[in-house]
C-alpha atoms as a PDB file:
ATOM      1  CA  MET A   1     200.961  37.212-115.597  1.00  0.00           C
ATOM      2  CA  ASN A   2     199.256  40.420-116.410  1.00  0.00           C
ATOM      3  CA  GLN A   3     198.803  42.761-119.081  1.00  0.00           C
ATOM      4  CA  ASN A   4     202.251  44.406-118.873  1.00  0.00           C
ATOM      5  CA  THR A   5     204.225  41.196-119.020  1.00  0.00           C
ATOM      6  CA  GLY A   6     202.404  40.478-122.474  1.00  0.00           C
ATOM      7  CA  LYS A   7     203.294  43.842-123.845  1.00  0.00           C
ATOM      8  CA  ILE A   8     206.828  43.532-122.915  1.00  0.00           C
ATOM      9  CA  LEU A   9     207.075  39.994-124.223  1.00  0.00           C
ATOM     10  CA  ILE A  10     205.602  40.997-127.718  1.00  0.00           C
ATOM     11  CA  PHE A  11     208.186  44.107-127.662  1.00  0.00           C
ATOM     12  CA  ILE A  12     211.204  41.701-126.951  1.00  0.00           C
ATOM     13  CA  SER A  13     210.070  39.321-129.251  1.00  0.00           C
ATOM     14  CA  GLY A  14     209.803  42.073-131.965  1.00  0.00           C
ATOM     15  CA  ILE A  15     213.419  43.235-131.035  1.00  0.00           C
ATOM     16  CA  ILE A  16     214.639  39.736-131.540  1.00  0.00           C
ATOM     17  CA  PHE A  17     212.926  39.518-134.446  1.00  0.00           C
ATOM     18  CA  LEU A  18     214.319  42.856-136.474  1.00  0.00           C
ATOM     19  CA  LEU A  19     217.809  41.613-134.778  1.00  0.00           C
ATOM     20  CA  GLY A  20     217.067  38.041-136.813  1.00  0.00           C
ATOM     21  CA  ILE A  21     215.872  40.178-140.095  1.00  0.00           C
ATOM     22  CA  VAL A  22     219.410  42.306-139.858  1.00  0.00           C
ATOM     23  CA  ILE A  23     221.796  39.486-139.198  1.00  0.00           C
ATOM     24  CA  TYR A  24     220.030  37.402-142.173  1.00  0.00           C
ATOM     25  CA  PHE A  25     220.429  40.641-144.541  1.00  0.00           C
ATOM     26  CA  PHE A  26     223.489  41.751-143.717  1.00  0.00           C
ATOM     27  CA  GLY A  27     225.524  39.305-141.452  1.00  0.00           C
ATOM     28  CA  ASP A  28     228.470  39.322-144.330  1.00  0.00           C
ATOM     29  CA  LYS A  29     228.898  42.911-143.471  1.00  0.00           C
ATOM     30  CA  LEU A  30     228.412  42.415-140.075  1.00  0.00           C
ATOM     31  CA  ASN A  31     232.271  40.127-139.641  1.00  0.00           C
ATOM     32  CA  TRP A  32     234.141  43.390-138.010  1.00  0.00           C
ATOM     33  CA  ILE A  33     232.150  42.810-134.901  1.00  0.00           C
ATOM     34  CA  GLY A  34     234.368  40.813-132.363  1.00  0.00           C
ATOM     35  CA  ARG A  35     237.263  42.082-134.298  1.00  0.00           C
ATOM     36  CA  LEU A  36     237.497  45.585-133.190  1.00  0.00           C
ATOM     37  CA  PRO A  37     240.931  47.684-131.798  1.00  0.00           C
ATOM     38  CA  GLY A  38     240.978  46.602-127.960  1.00  0.00           C
ATOM     39  CA  ASP A  39     239.702  43.033-128.293  1.00  0.00           C
ATOM     40  CA  PHE A  40     241.956  40.544-127.124  1.00  0.00           C
ATOM     41  CA  ARG A  41     243.037  37.548-128.784  1.00  0.00           C
ATOM     42  CA  PHE A  42     245.846  35.408-127.691  1.00  0.00           C
ATOM     43  CA  GLU A  43     246.263  32.107-129.693  1.00  0.00           C
ATOM     44  CA  GLY A  44     248.995  29.969-128.340  1.00  0.00           C
ATOM     45  CA  LYS A  45     249.357  26.214-129.540  1.00  0.00           C
ATOM     46  CA  ASN A  46     246.925  24.397-127.744  1.00  0.00           C
ATOM     47  CA  THR A  47     244.674  27.350-126.632  1.00  0.00           C
ATOM     48  CA  LYS A  48     242.698  30.368-127.653  1.00  0.00           C
ATOM     49  CA  VAL A  49     241.685  32.618-125.625  1.00  0.00           C
ATOM     50  CA  TYR A  50     239.442  35.409-126.689  1.00  0.00           C
ATOM     51  CA  PHE A  51     237.924  38.596-125.067  1.00  0.00           C
ATOM     52  CA  PRO A  52     235.521  40.972-126.964  1.00  0.00           C
ATOM     53  CA  ILE A  53     236.483  43.845-124.374  1.00  0.00           C
ATOM     54  CA  VAL A  54     235.844  46.804-126.853  1.00  0.00           C
ATOM     55  CA  THR A  55     232.518  45.170-128.692  1.00  0.00           C
ATOM     56  CA  MET A  56     230.933  44.303-125.505  1.00  0.00           C
ATOM     57  CA  LEU A  57     231.098  48.177-124.016  1.00  0.00           C
ATOM     58  CA  ILE A  58     229.920  49.047-127.490  1.00  0.00           C
ATOM     59  CA  ILE A  59     227.024  46.560-127.349  1.00  0.00           C
ATOM     60  CA  SER A  60     226.445  47.470-123.338  1.00  0.00           C
ATOM     61  CA  LEU A  61     225.914  51.159-124.494  1.00  0.00           C
ATOM     62  CA  LEU A  62     223.664  50.623-127.293  1.00  0.00           C
ATOM     63  CA  ILE A  63     221.454  48.293-125.083  1.00  0.00           C
ATOM     64  CA  ASN A  64     221.608  51.140-122.397  1.00  0.00           C
ATOM     65  CA  ALA A  65     220.363  53.829-125.100  1.00  0.00           C
ATOM     66  CA  VAL A  66     217.733  51.705-126.044  1.00  0.00           C
ATOM     67  CA  LEU A  67     216.444  51.202-122.437  1.00  0.00           C
ATOM     68  CA  TYR A  68     216.822  54.743-121.905  1.00  0.00           C
ATOM     69  CA  VAL A  69     214.308  55.715-124.667  1.00  0.00           C
ATOM     70  CA  ILE A  70     212.017  52.836-123.861  1.00  0.00           C
ATOM     71  CA  ARG A  71     211.977  54.240-120.285  1.00  0.00           C
ATOM     72  CA  LYS A  72     211.785  57.895-121.828  1.00  0.00           C
ATOM     73  CA  PHE A  73     208.158  56.918-123.775  1.00  0.00           C
ATOM     74  CA  PHE A  74     206.724  54.597-121.115  1.00  0.00           C
END
């Protein structure tokens, strides 16, 4: 392990910490996540099938944007 690995772990833990704070304080306001138009939901008698397609696309775009900004500065 080298010094870069430590920096990366500190950065990732900081992001997880901030995400935890957002969920803790604003969790009741984030209930729209997973219920966007385009998220597929099927409920039968004995089964429930759920594919959050649009939600995953938005999360993927946000993660890619954050990684792009990180790569630009480092």
